[in-house]
All heavy atoms as atom14 arrays in JSON, in Angstrom:
{
  "sequence": "SALRNRLIPEGLAGEFVFRTPGQSAGVLADKA",
  "atom14_mask": [
    [1, 1, 1, 1, 1, 1, 0, 0, 0, 0, 0, 0, 0, 0],
    [1, 1, 1, 1, 1, 0, 0, 0, 0, 0, 0, 0, 0, 0],
    [1, 1, 1, 1, 1, 1, 1, 1, 0, 0, 0, 0, 0, 0],
    [1, 1, 1, 1, 1, 1, 1, 1, 1, 1, 1, 0, 0, 0],
    [1, 1, 1, 1, 1, 1, 1, 1, 0, 0, 0, 0, 0, 0],
    [1, 1, 1, 1, 1, 1, 1, 1, 1, 1, 1, 0, 0, 0],
    [1, 1, 1, 1, 1, 1, 1, 1, 0, 0, 0, 0, 0, 0],
    [1, 1, 1, 1, 1, 1, 1, 1, 0, 0, 0, 0, 0, 0],
    [1, 1, 1, 1, 1, 1, 1, 0, 0, 0, 0, 0, 0, 0],
    [1, 1, 1, 1, 1, 1, 1, 1, 1, 0, 0, 0, 0, 0],
    [1, 1, 1, 1, 0, 0, 0, 0, 0, 0, 0, 0, 0, 0],
    [1, 1, 1, 1, 1, 1, 1, 1, 0, 0, 0, 0, 0, 0],
    [1, 1, 1, 1, 1, 0, 0, 0, 0, 0, 0, 0, 0, 0],
    [1, 1, 1, 1, 0, 0, 0, 0, 0, 0, 0, 0, 0, 0],
    [1, 1, 1, 1, 1, 1, 1, 1, 1, 0, 0, 0, 0, 0],
    [1, 1, 1, 1, 1, 1, 1, 1, 1, 1, 1, 0, 0, 0],
    [1, 1, 1, 1, 1, 1, 1, 0, 0, 0, 0, 0, 0, 0],
    [1, 1, 1, 1, 1, 1, 1, 1, 1, 1, 1, 0, 0, 0],
    [1, 1, 1, 1, 1, 1, 1, 1, 1, 1, 1, 0, 0, 0],
    [1, 1, 1, 1, 1, 1, 1, 0, 0, 0, 0, 0, 0, 0],
    [1, 1, 1, 1, 1, 1, 1, 0, 0, 0, 0, 0, 0, 0],
    [1, 1, 1, 1, 0, 0, 0, 0, 0, 0, 0, 0, 0, 0],
    [1, 1, 1, 1, 1, 1, 1, 1, 1, 0, 0, 0, 0, 0],
    [1, 1, 1, 1, 1, 1, 0, 0, 0, 0, 0, 0, 0, 0],
    [1, 1, 1, 1, 1, 0, 0, 0, 0, 0, 0, 0, 0, 0],
    [1, 1, 1, 1, 0, 0, 0, 0, 0, 0, 0, 0, 0, 0],
    [1, 1, 1, 1, 1, 1, 1, 0, 0, 0, 0, 0, 0, 0],
    [1, 1, 1, 1, 1, 1, 1, 1, 0, 0, 0, 0, 0, 0],
    [1, 1, 1, 1, 1, 0, 0, 0, 0, 0, 0, 0, 0, 0],
    [1, 1, 1, 1, 1, 1, 1, 1, 0, 0, 0, 0, 0, 0],
    [1, 1, 1, 1, 1, 1, 1, 1, 1, 0, 0, 0, 0, 0],
    [1, 1, 1, 1, 1, 0, 0, 0, 0, 0, 0, 0, 0, 0]
  ],
  "atom14_positions": [
    [[-1.06, -6.4, -22.85], [-1.84, -7.58, -22.48], [-1.06, -8.86, -22.77], [-1.02, -9.78, -21.93], [-3.15, -7.58, -23.26], [-3.92, -8.74, -22.97], [0.0, 0.0, 0.0], [0.0, 0.0, 0.0], [0.0, 0.0, 0.0], [0.0, 0.0, 0.0], [0.0, 0.0, 0.0], [0.0, 0.0, 0.0], [0.0, 0.0, 0.0], [0.0, 0.0, 0.0]],
    [[-0.42, -8.93, -23.94], [0.37, -10.11, -24.29], [1.54, -10.29, -23.33], [1.88, -11.41, -22.93], [0.86, -10.0, -25.73], [0.0, 0.0, 0.0], [0.0, 0.0, 0.0], [0.0, 0.0, 0.0], [0.0, 0.0, 0.0], [0.0, 0.0, 0.0], [0.0, 0.0, 0.0], [0.0, 0.0, 0.0], [0.0, 0.0, 0.0], [0.0, 0.0, 0.0]],
    [[2.17, -9.19, -22.95], [3.28, -9.23, -22.0], [2.82, -9.82, -20.67], [3.47, -10.73, -20.12], [3.85, -7.83, -21.8], [4.9, -7.67, -20.7], [6.17, -8.41, -21.06], [5.19, -6.18, -20.45], [0.0, 0.0, 0.0], [0.0, 0.0, 0.0], [0.0, 0.0, 0.0], [0.0, 0.0, 0.0], [0.0, 0.0, 0.0], [0.0, 0.0, 0.0]],
    [[1.71, -9.32, -20.15], [1.22, -9.79, -18.85], [0.91, -11.29, -18.89], [1.16, -12.01, -17.92], [-0.01, -9.0, -18.43], [0.25, -7.52, -18.2], [-0.95, -6.82, -17.59], [-1.08, -7.14, -16.17], [-1.97, -6.55, -15.36], [-2.79, -5.62, -15.84], [-2.05, -6.89, -14.1], [0.0, 0.0, 0.0], [0.0, 0.0, 0.0], [0.0, 0.0, 0.0]],
    [[0.38, -11.73, -20.02], [0.04, -13.15, -20.14], [1.27, -14.05, -20.18], [1.19, -15.23, -19.84], [-0.81, -13.39, -21.4], [-2.21, -12.82, -21.27], [-2.73, -12.65, -20.16], [-2.83, -12.52, -22.39], [0.0, 0.0, 0.0], [0.0, 0.0, 0.0], [0.0, 0.0, 0.0], [0.0, 0.0, 0.0], [0.0, 0.0, 0.0], [0.0, 0.0, 0.0]],
    [[2.43, -13.49, -20.59], [3.65, -14.28, -20.69], [4.44, -14.34, -19.39], [5.31, -15.21, -19.23], [4.56, -13.7, -21.8], [4.2, -14.12, -23.19], [4.68, -15.53, -23.53], [6.13, -15.63, -23.56], [6.89, -15.34, -24.61], [6.31, -14.89, -25.72], [8.19, -15.47, -24.56], [0.0, 0.0, 0.0], [0.0, 0.0, 0.0], [0.0, 0.0, 0.0]],
    [[4.21, -13.41, -18.49], [5.09, -13.26, -17.34], [5.04, -14.46, -16.39], [6.08, -14.96, -15.96], [4.77, -11.97, -16.59], [5.04, -10.68, -17.36], [4.64, -9.47, -16.53], [6.51, -10.6, -17.77], [0.0, 0.0, 0.0], [0.0, 0.0, 0.0], [0.0, 0.0, 0.0], [0.0, 0.0, 0.0], [0.0, 0.0, 0.0], [0.0, 0.0, 0.0]],
    [[3.85, -14.92, -16.05], [3.75, -16.04, -15.1], [4.35, -17.32, -15.68], [5.17, -17.99, -15.01], [2.29, -16.25, -14.66], [1.83, -15.06, -13.8], [2.14, -17.55, -13.86], [0.39, -15.14, -13.35], [0.0, 0.0, 0.0], [0.0, 0.0, 0.0], [0.0, 0.0, 0.0], [0.0, 0.0, 0.0], [0.0, 0.0, 0.0], [0.0, 0.0, 0.0]],
    [[4.0, -17.72, -16.93], [4.65, -18.92, -17.49], [6.17, -18.83, -17.55], [6.86, -19.85, -17.48], [4.03, -19.02, -18.89], [2.74, -18.3, -18.8], [2.97, -17.19, -17.83], [0.0, 0.0, 0.0], [0.0, 0.0, 0.0], [0.0, 0.0, 0.0], [0.0, 0.0, 0.0], [0.0, 0.0, 0.0], [0.0, 0.0, 0.0], [0.0, 0.0, 0.0]],
    [[6.7, -17.62, -17.69], [8.15, -17.44, -17.78], [8.81, -17.27, -16.43], [10.02, -17.07, -16.33], [8.47, -16.22, -18.66], [8.05, -16.34, -20.1], [8.89, -17.32, -20.89], [9.96, -17.73, -20.39], [8.48, -17.69, -22.01], [0.0, 0.0, 0.0], [0.0, 0.0, 0.0], [0.0, 0.0, 0.0], [0.0, 0.0, 0.0], [0.0, 0.0, 0.0]],
    [[8.03, -17.33, -15.35], [8.58, -17.15, -14.01], [8.94, -15.71, -13.68], [9.84, -15.46, -12.87], [0.0, 0.0, 0.0], [0.0, 0.0, 0.0], [0.0, 0.0, 0.0], [0.0, 0.0, 0.0], [0.0, 0.0, 0.0], [0.0, 0.0, 0.0], [0.0, 0.0, 0.0], [0.0, 0.0, 0.0], [0.0, 0.0, 0.0], [0.0, 0.0, 0.0]],
    [[8.23, -14.76, -14.31], [8.55, -13.35, -14.15], [7.4, -12.56, -13.54], [7.3, -11.35, -13.72], [8.91, -12.74, -15.52], [10.12, -13.36, -16.23], [10.22, -12.82, -17.65], [11.4, -13.08, -15.47], [0.0, 0.0, 0.0], [0.0, 0.0, 0.0], [0.0, 0.0, 0.0], [0.0, 0.0, 0.0], [0.0, 0.0, 0.0], [0.0, 0.0, 0.0]],
    [[6.55, -13.23, -12.82], [5.39, -12.56, -12.24], [5.83, -11.51, -11.22], [6.89, -11.62, -10.6], [4.47, -13.58, -11.58], [0.0, 0.0, 0.0], [0.0, 0.0, 0.0], [0.0, 0.0, 0.0], [0.0, 0.0, 0.0], [0.0, 0.0, 0.0], [0.0, 0.0, 0.0], [0.0, 0.0, 0.0], [0.0, 0.0, 0.0], [0.0, 0.0, 0.0]],
    [[5.02, -10.49, -11.06], [5.3, -9.44, -10.1], [4.17, -8.45, -10.05], [3.08, -8.7, -10.58], [0.0, 0.0, 0.0], [0.0, 0.0, 0.0], [0.0, 0.0, 0.0], [0.0, 0.0, 0.0], [0.0, 0.0, 0.0], [0.0, 0.0, 0.0], [0.0, 0.0, 0.0], [0.0, 0.0, 0.0], [0.0, 0.0, 0.0], [0.0, 0.0, 0.0]],
    [[4.41, -7.33, -9.43], [3.39, -6.28, -9.34], [3.42, -5.44, -10.61], [4.48, -5.07, -11.11], [3.64, -5.41, -8.12], [2.49, -4.45, -7.83], [2.57, -3.85, -6.45], [3.3, -4.4, -5.59], [1.88, -2.84, -6.21], [0.0, 0.0, 0.0], [0.0, 0.0, 0.0], [0.0, 0.0, 0.0], [0.0, 0.0, 0.0], [0.0, 0.0, 0.0]],
    [[2.23, -5.13, -11.13], [2.07, -4.43, -12.4], [1.34, -3.12, -12.12], [0.18, -3.13, -11.69], [1.25, -5.3, -13.36], [1.71, -5.26, -14.78], [2.75, -6.06, -15.22], [1.09, -4.44, -15.7], [3.16, -6.05, -16.54], [1.48, -4.42, -17.01], [2.53, -5.23, -17.45], [0.0, 0.0, 0.0], [0.0, 0.0, 0.0], [0.0, 0.0, 0.0]],
    [[2.0, -1.98, -12.33], [1.42, -0.68, -11.99], [1.4, 0.21, -13.23], [2.43, 0.38, -13.9], [2.24, 0.01, -10.87], [1.67, 1.39, -10.57], [2.26, -0.85, -9.62], [0.0, 0.0, 0.0], [0.0, 0.0, 0.0], [0.0, 0.0, 0.0], [0.0, 0.0, 0.0], [0.0, 0.0, 0.0], [0.0, 0.0, 0.0], [0.0, 0.0, 0.0]],
    [[0.24, 0.77, -13.53], [0.12, 1.71, -14.64], [0.32, 3.12, -14.11], [-0.37, 3.55, -13.18], [-1.26, 1.6, -15.31], [-1.41, 0.37, -16.14], [-1.83, -0.83, -15.56], [-1.12, 0.39, -17.5], [-1.97, -1.97, -16.32], [-1.25, -0.75, -18.27], [-1.67, -1.94, -17.68], [0.0, 0.0, 0.0], [0.0, 0.0, 0.0], [0.0, 0.0, 0.0]],
    [[1.28, 3.82, -14.69], [1.49, 5.22, -14.32], [0.37, 6.07, -14.88], [0.06, 6.0, -16.07], [2.83, 5.71, -14.84], [3.06, 7.19, -14.56], [4.47, 7.61, -14.83], [4.84, 7.59, -16.23], [5.85, 8.3, -16.72], [6.58, 9.06, -15.93], [6.17, 8.22, -17.99], [0.0, 0.0, 0.0], [0.0, 0.0, 0.0], [0.0, 0.0, 0.0]],
    [[-0.25, 6.88, -14.05], [-1.29, 7.79, -14.52], [-0.64, 9.02, -15.16], [0.51, 9.36, -14.84], [-2.21, 8.22, -13.38], [-1.42, 8.88, -12.36], [-2.9, 7.01, -12.77], [0.0, 0.0, 0.0], [0.0, 0.0, 0.0], [0.0, 0.0, 0.0], [0.0, 0.0, 0.0], [0.0, 0.0, 0.0], [0.0, 0.0, 0.0], [0.0, 0.0, 0.0]],
    [[-1.32, 9.69, -16.08], [-0.74, 10.89, -16.72], [-0.28, 11.91, -15.69], [-1.02, 12.26, -14.77], [-1.9, 11.42, -17.57], [-2.72, 10.21, -17.89], [-2.65, 9.36, -16.65], [0.0, 0.0, 0.0], [0.0, 0.0, 0.0], [0.0, 0.0, 0.0], [0.0, 0.0, 0.0], [0.0, 0.0, 0.0], [0.0, 0.0, 0.0], [0.0, 0.0, 0.0]],
    [[0.95, 12.34, -15.81], [1.51, 13.33, -14.9], [2.1, 12.75, -13.63], [2.73, 13.47, -12.86], [0.0, 0.0, 0.0], [0.0, 0.0, 0.0], [0.0, 0.0, 0.0], [0.0, 0.0, 0.0], [0.0, 0.0, 0.0], [0.0, 0.0, 0.0], [0.0, 0.0, 0.0], [0.0, 0.0, 0.0], [0.0, 0.0, 0.0], [0.0, 0.0, 0.0]],
    [[1.92, 11.47, -13.4], [2.45, 10.85, -12.18], [3.96, 10.61, -12.32], [4.43, 10.19, -13.37], [1.74, 9.53, -11.91], [2.13, 8.86, -10.6], [1.36, 7.58, -10.36], [0.93, 6.92, -11.31], [1.15, 7.22, -9.1], [0.0, 0.0, 0.0], [0.0, 0.0, 0.0], [0.0, 0.0, 0.0], [0.0, 0.0, 0.0], [0.0, 0.0, 0.0]],
    [[4.69, 10.85, -11.27], [6.14, 10.66, -11.28], [6.48, 9.18, -11.23], [6.07, 8.46, -10.31], [6.77, 11.38, -10.09], [8.11, 10.99, -9.93], [0.0, 0.0, 0.0], [0.0, 0.0, 0.0], [0.0, 0.0, 0.0], [0.0, 0.0, 0.0], [0.0, 0.0, 0.0], [0.0, 0.0, 0.0], [0.0, 0.0, 0.0], [0.0, 0.0, 0.0]],
    [[7.24, 8.73, -12.21], [7.72, 7.35, -12.19], [8.7, 7.15, -11.05], [8.81, 6.05, -10.49], [8.35, 7.0, -13.52], [0.0, 0.0, 0.0], [0.0, 0.0, 0.0], [0.0, 0.0, 0.0], [0.0, 0.0, 0.0], [0.0, 0.0, 0.0], [0.0, 0.0, 0.0], [0.0, 0.0, 0.0], [0.0, 0.0, 0.0], [0.0, 0.0, 0.0]],
    [[9.44, 8.21, -10.7], [10.39, 8.11, -9.61], [9.73, 7.79, -8.28], [10.27, 7.03, -7.47], [0.0, 0.0, 0.0], [0.0, 0.0, 0.0], [0.0, 0.0, 0.0], [0.0, 0.0, 0.0], [0.0, 0.0, 0.0], [0.0, 0.0, 0.0], [0.0, 0.0, 0.0], [0.0, 0.0, 0.0], [0.0, 0.0, 0.0], [0.0, 0.0, 0.0]],
    [[8.54, 8.35, -8.04], [7.81, 8.06, -6.81], [7.41, 6.59, -6.76], [7.51, 5.93, -5.72], [6.58, 8.97, -6.7], [5.67, 8.54, -5.55], [7.0, 10.42, -6.5], [0.0, 0.0, 0.0], [0.0, 0.0, 0.0], [0.0, 0.0, 0.0], [0.0, 0.0, 0.0], [0.0, 0.0, 0.0], [0.0, 0.0, 0.0], [0.0, 0.0, 0.0]],
    [[6.96, 6.07, -7.89], [6.6, 4.65, -7.95], [7.83, 3.77, -7.73], [7.76, 2.75, -7.04], [5.97, 4.34, -9.31], [4.61, 4.99, -9.59], [4.17, 4.72, -11.02], [3.55, 4.5, -8.61], [0.0, 0.0, 0.0], [0.0, 0.0, 0.0], [0.0, 0.0, 0.0], [0.0, 0.0, 0.0], [0.0, 0.0, 0.0], [0.0, 0.0, 0.0]],
    [[8.96, 4.18, -8.3], [10.19, 3.41, -8.11], [10.63, 3.43, -6.65], [11.07, 2.41, -6.11], [11.29, 3.96, -9.0], [0.0, 0.0, 0.0], [0.0, 0.0, 0.0], [0.0, 0.0, 0.0], [0.0, 0.0, 0.0], [0.0, 0.0, 0.0], [0.0, 0.0, 0.0], [0.0, 0.0, 0.0], [0.0, 0.0, 0.0], [0.0, 0.0, 0.0]],
    [[10.52, 4.59, -6.01], [10.89, 4.68, -4.59], [10.01, 3.76, -3.74], [10.49, 3.12, -2.8], [10.73, 6.13, -4.11], [11.81, 7.05, -4.67], [12.84, 6.54, -5.16], [11.59, 8.28, -4.63], [0.0, 0.0, 0.0], [0.0, 0.0, 0.0], [0.0, 0.0, 0.0], [0.0, 0.0, 0.0], [0.0, 0.0, 0.0], [0.0, 0.0, 0.0]],
    [[8.74, 3.67, -4.09], [7.82, 2.76, -3.38], [8.28, 1.32, -3.55], [8.3, 0.55, -2.59], [6.4, 2.95, -3.91], [5.38, 2.0, -3.3], [4.01, 2.21, -3.93], [3.0, 1.19, -3.4], [1.67, 1.35, -4.04], [0.0, 0.0, 0.0], [0.0, 0.0, 0.0], [0.0, 0.0, 0.0], [0.0, 0.0, 0.0], [0.0, 0.0, 0.0]],
    [[8.65, 0.97, -4.79], [9.1, -0.4, -5.04], [10.39, -0.71, -4.29], [10.55, -1.81, -3.74], [9.31, -0.59, -6.55], [0.0, 0.0, 0.0], [0.0, 0.0, 0.0], [0.0, 0.0, 0.0], [0.0, 0.0, 0.0], [0.0, 0.0, 0.0], [0.0, 0.0, 0.0], [0.0, 0.0, 0.0], [0.0, 0.0, 0.0], [0.0, 0.0, 0.0]]
  ]
}
């Protein structure tokens, strides 16, 4: 939560995705 609140003021805003249990991070990276 603290990280998300800092991103916009620091110019680091972007898409924030929570990996669900068992979900492949590689698939999310390929999408990105």
